[in-house]
Amino acid sequence: MNKTIIKEILSWVLVLIIAIVLAKLANRFVLFKVSVPTGSMEDTIMIGDKIYTQKVSYWFKDPERGDIVVFPFPDDEEKDYIKRIIGLPGETIAGIDGLVYIDGEPIDEPYVKEKLKKDFGPYTVPENHYFMMGDNRNDSNDSRYWDNTFLNRDKIMGKALLKYPNFTWMN
């Protein structure tokens, strides 16, 4: 084999190795994909939807009410959950007559399709913690029902960035 062909092959191998390393680094530190197994976030996220989650979202800013995040389930960290942040540190949250109240004021939640069927709270969210709820309020295992009611900020794995449906016809 002449040297030009060997050089060309080595350059392609190097490009491939660099691409694989960059993809692994991006997956480890920037983005990761999750699949949604339950209907607790319907109609926002449907069963089987795939979600790209950004890991760096909260490196320089705090999570905000309404953000959808992925985290290990506080009562069993072997399972990952995806829910919406509703209660922020220091706030008091309650569900009364079908609405969610923060510090005594109802919040606007256009993403919720049904009013709450059951009252809850009040809960006061500790510092560095969040109160999490699914958008499908009447069929969601969320902070209202967990033994460890609040999600520690350090446990947030990432913010939902992009969803795409489960294209079963492509399998």
Protein backbone atom coordinates (compact mmCIF):
# COMPACT_ATOMS: atom_id res chain seq x y z
CA MET A 1 0.00 0.00 0.00
CA ASN A 2 1.32 3.39 -0.72
CA LYS A 3 1.69 6.05 1.98
CA THR A 4 -1.09 8.29 0.61
CA ILE A 5 -3.73 5.58 1.02
CA ILE A 6 -2.56 4.75 4.55
CA LYS A 7 -2.60 8.45 5.45
CA GLU A 8 -6.14 8.80 4.07
CA ILE A 9 -7.39 5.76 6.01
CA LEU A 10 -5.76 7.00 9.22
CA SER A 11 -7.31 10.45 8.77
CA TRP A 12 -10.78 8.90 8.42
CA VAL A 13 -10.22 6.68 11.46
CA LEU A 14 -9.13 9.76 13.45
CA VAL A 15 -12.25 11.69 12.35
CA LEU A 16 -14.44 8.73 13.37
CA ILE A 17 -12.77 8.45 16.78
CA ILE A 18 -13.14 12.19 17.40
CA ALA A 19 -16.83 12.06 16.39
CA ILE A 20 -17.48 9.16 18.77
CA VAL A 21 -15.67 10.90 21.65
CA LEU A 22 -17.59 14.16 21.04
CA ALA A 23 -20.90 12.29 20.91
CA LYS A 24 -20.11 10.50 24.18
CA LEU A 25 -19.11 13.80 25.84
CA ALA A 26 -22.28 15.52 24.61
CA ASN A 27 -24.40 12.64 25.93
CA ARG A 28 -22.60 12.68 29.26
CA PHE A 29 -22.47 16.43 29.88
CA VAL A 30 -24.94 18.22 27.57
CA LEU A 31 -27.94 16.18 26.32
CA PHE A 32 -29.60 12.87 27.02
CA LYS A 33 -32.76 11.17 25.79
CA VAL A 34 -35.59 9.77 27.90
CA SER A 35 -38.71 7.85 26.95
CA VAL A 36 -41.97 8.59 28.76
CA PRO A 37 -43.62 5.42 30.12
CA THR A 38 -46.75 6.90 31.80
CA GLY A 39 -49.54 9.37 31.12
CA SER A 40 -48.82 11.64 34.09
CA MET A 41 -47.77 14.53 31.83
CA GLU A 42 -50.57 14.19 29.23
CA ASP A 43 -51.54 16.20 27.11
CA THR A 44 -48.14 17.94 27.15
CA ILE A 45 -46.10 14.74 26.82
CA MET A 46 -47.74 11.52 25.67
CA ILE A 47 -46.90 7.92 26.56
CA GLY A 48 -44.00 6.80 24.37
CA ASP A 49 -42.82 10.31 23.47
CA LYS A 50 -39.06 10.74 23.47
CA ILE A 51 -37.63 13.79 25.22
CA TYR A 52 -34.22 15.34 24.71
CA THR A 53 -33.11 16.79 28.01
CA GLN A 54 -30.46 19.46 28.48
CA LYS A 55 -28.14 18.83 31.41
CA VAL A 56 -26.52 22.28 31.48
CA SER A 57 -29.76 24.27 31.87
CA TYR A 58 -29.29 24.99 35.56
CA TRP A 59 -25.55 25.48 35.75
CA PHE A 60 -25.94 29.26 35.72
CA LYS A 61 -29.58 29.88 36.62
CA ASP A 62 -32.20 28.48 38.94
CA PRO A 63 -35.10 26.30 37.83
CA GLU A 64 -38.36 28.20 37.30
CA ARG A 65 -42.01 27.40 37.84
CA GLY A 66 -43.33 25.65 34.76
CA ASP A 67 -40.03 24.00 33.77
CA ILE A 68 -40.35 20.31 32.90
CA VAL A 69 -37.43 18.38 34.37
CA VAL A 70 -36.08 14.83 34.60
CA PHE A 71 -34.95 13.54 38.00
CA PRO A 72 -34.58 10.32 39.97
CA PHE A 73 -37.83 9.51 41.80
CA PRO A 74 -37.23 10.68 45.40
CA ASP A 75 -38.71 7.49 46.90
CA ASP A 76 -36.77 5.11 44.60
CA GLU A 77 -33.80 6.66 42.82
CA GLU A 78 -33.54 3.69 40.46
CA LYS A 79 -36.48 5.17 38.50
CA ASP A 80 -36.37 8.43 36.53
CA TYR A 81 -39.39 10.73 36.54
CA ILE A 82 -40.37 13.69 34.40
CA LYS A 83 -42.63 16.33 35.96
CA ARG A 84 -43.28 20.07 35.98
CA ILE A 85 -41.88 22.37 38.69
CA ILE A 86 -44.83 24.01 40.45
CA GLY A 87 -43.62 25.08 43.91
CA LEU A 88 -40.37 27.01 44.37
CA PRO A 89 -38.22 27.23 47.52
CA GLY A 90 -39.94 29.13 50.33
CA GLU A 91 -43.41 29.05 48.76
CA THR A 92 -46.54 27.55 50.28
CA ILE A 93 -48.55 25.43 47.85
CA ALA A 94 -52.05 24.03 48.17
CA GLY A 95 -54.79 22.62 45.96
CA ILE A 96 -58.23 24.02 46.76
CA ASP A 97 -61.49 23.63 44.82
CA GLY A 98 -59.74 22.36 41.69
CA LEU A 99 -56.99 25.02 41.51
CA VAL A 100 -53.37 25.20 42.64
CA TYR A 101 -52.50 28.12 44.91
CA ILE A 102 -49.06 29.53 45.60
CA ASP A 103 -48.85 31.71 48.72
CA GLY A 104 -52.65 32.07 48.66
CA GLU A 105 -52.94 33.09 44.97
CA PRO A 106 -54.20 30.79 42.20
CA ILE A 107 -51.68 30.17 39.44
CA ASP A 108 -52.41 30.16 35.72
CA GLU A 109 -51.83 26.69 34.28
CA PRO A 110 -52.90 26.57 30.61
CA TYR A 111 -51.19 23.17 30.19
CA VAL A 112 -53.58 21.42 32.62
CA LYS A 113 -56.64 19.89 30.95
CA GLU A 114 -58.68 19.04 34.09
CA LYS A 115 -59.15 20.72 37.44
CA LEU A 116 -57.97 18.89 40.53
CA LYS A 117 -60.53 16.42 41.86
CA LYS A 118 -58.92 16.30 45.29
CA ASP A 119 -57.62 19.11 47.51
CA PHE A 120 -54.09 18.90 48.92
CA GLY A 121 -51.70 20.74 51.20
CA PRO A 122 -50.72 23.18 52.29
CA TYR A 123 -47.03 22.37 51.90
CA THR A 124 -44.18 24.81 52.45
CA VAL A 125 -41.30 24.10 50.07
CA PRO A 126 -37.92 24.00 51.86
CA GLU A 127 -34.90 25.92 50.59
CA ASN A 128 -33.11 24.23 47.70
CA HIS A 129 -36.17 22.05 46.97
CA TYR A 130 -39.12 22.02 44.55
CA PHE A 131 -42.71 20.77 44.53
CA MET A 132 -43.33 18.68 41.41
CA MET A 133 -46.60 17.88 39.65
CA GLY A 134 -47.66 16.11 36.49
CA ASP A 135 -49.86 17.96 34.00
CA ASN A 136 -52.42 15.15 34.13
CA ARG A 137 -53.18 16.13 37.73
CA ASN A 138 -55.78 13.49 38.46
CA ASP A 139 -53.55 10.65 37.27
CA SER A 140 -50.05 11.62 38.40
CA ASN A 141 -47.82 10.18 41.10
CA ASP A 142 -46.16 13.44 42.12
CA SER A 143 -45.07 15.44 45.19
CA ARG A 144 -48.56 15.21 46.70
CA TYR A 145 -48.14 11.46 47.18
CA TRP A 146 -44.41 10.87 47.69
CA ASP A 147 -42.91 9.92 51.06
CA ASN A 148 -40.10 12.40 50.26
CA THR A 149 -42.45 15.22 49.21
CA PHE A 150 -39.91 17.65 47.75
CA LEU A 151 -37.28 17.32 45.03
CA ASN A 152 -33.79 18.47 45.98
CA ARG A 153 -32.30 20.84 43.38
CA ASP A 154 -29.14 18.72 43.23
CA LYS A 155 -31.20 15.77 41.95
CA ILE A 156 -32.44 17.54 38.81
CA MET A 157 -30.78 15.73 35.89
CA GLY A 158 -31.89 18.18 33.21
CA LYS A 159 -34.58 20.33 31.66
CA ALA A 160 -36.82 18.95 28.91
CA LEU A 161 -35.75 20.62 25.71
CA LEU A 162 -37.39 18.87 22.78
CA LYS A 163 -39.97 16.14 22.39
CA TYR A 164 -40.70 13.95 19.45
CA PRO A 165 -43.34 11.23 19.12
CA ASN A 166 -42.74 7.52 19.13
CA PHE A 167 -42.67 6.65 15.43
CA THR A 168 -43.54 2.97 15.80
CA TRP A 169 -44.04 2.63 12.06
CA MET A 170 -40.31 3.34 11.60
CA ASN A 171 -39.15 0.38 13.73
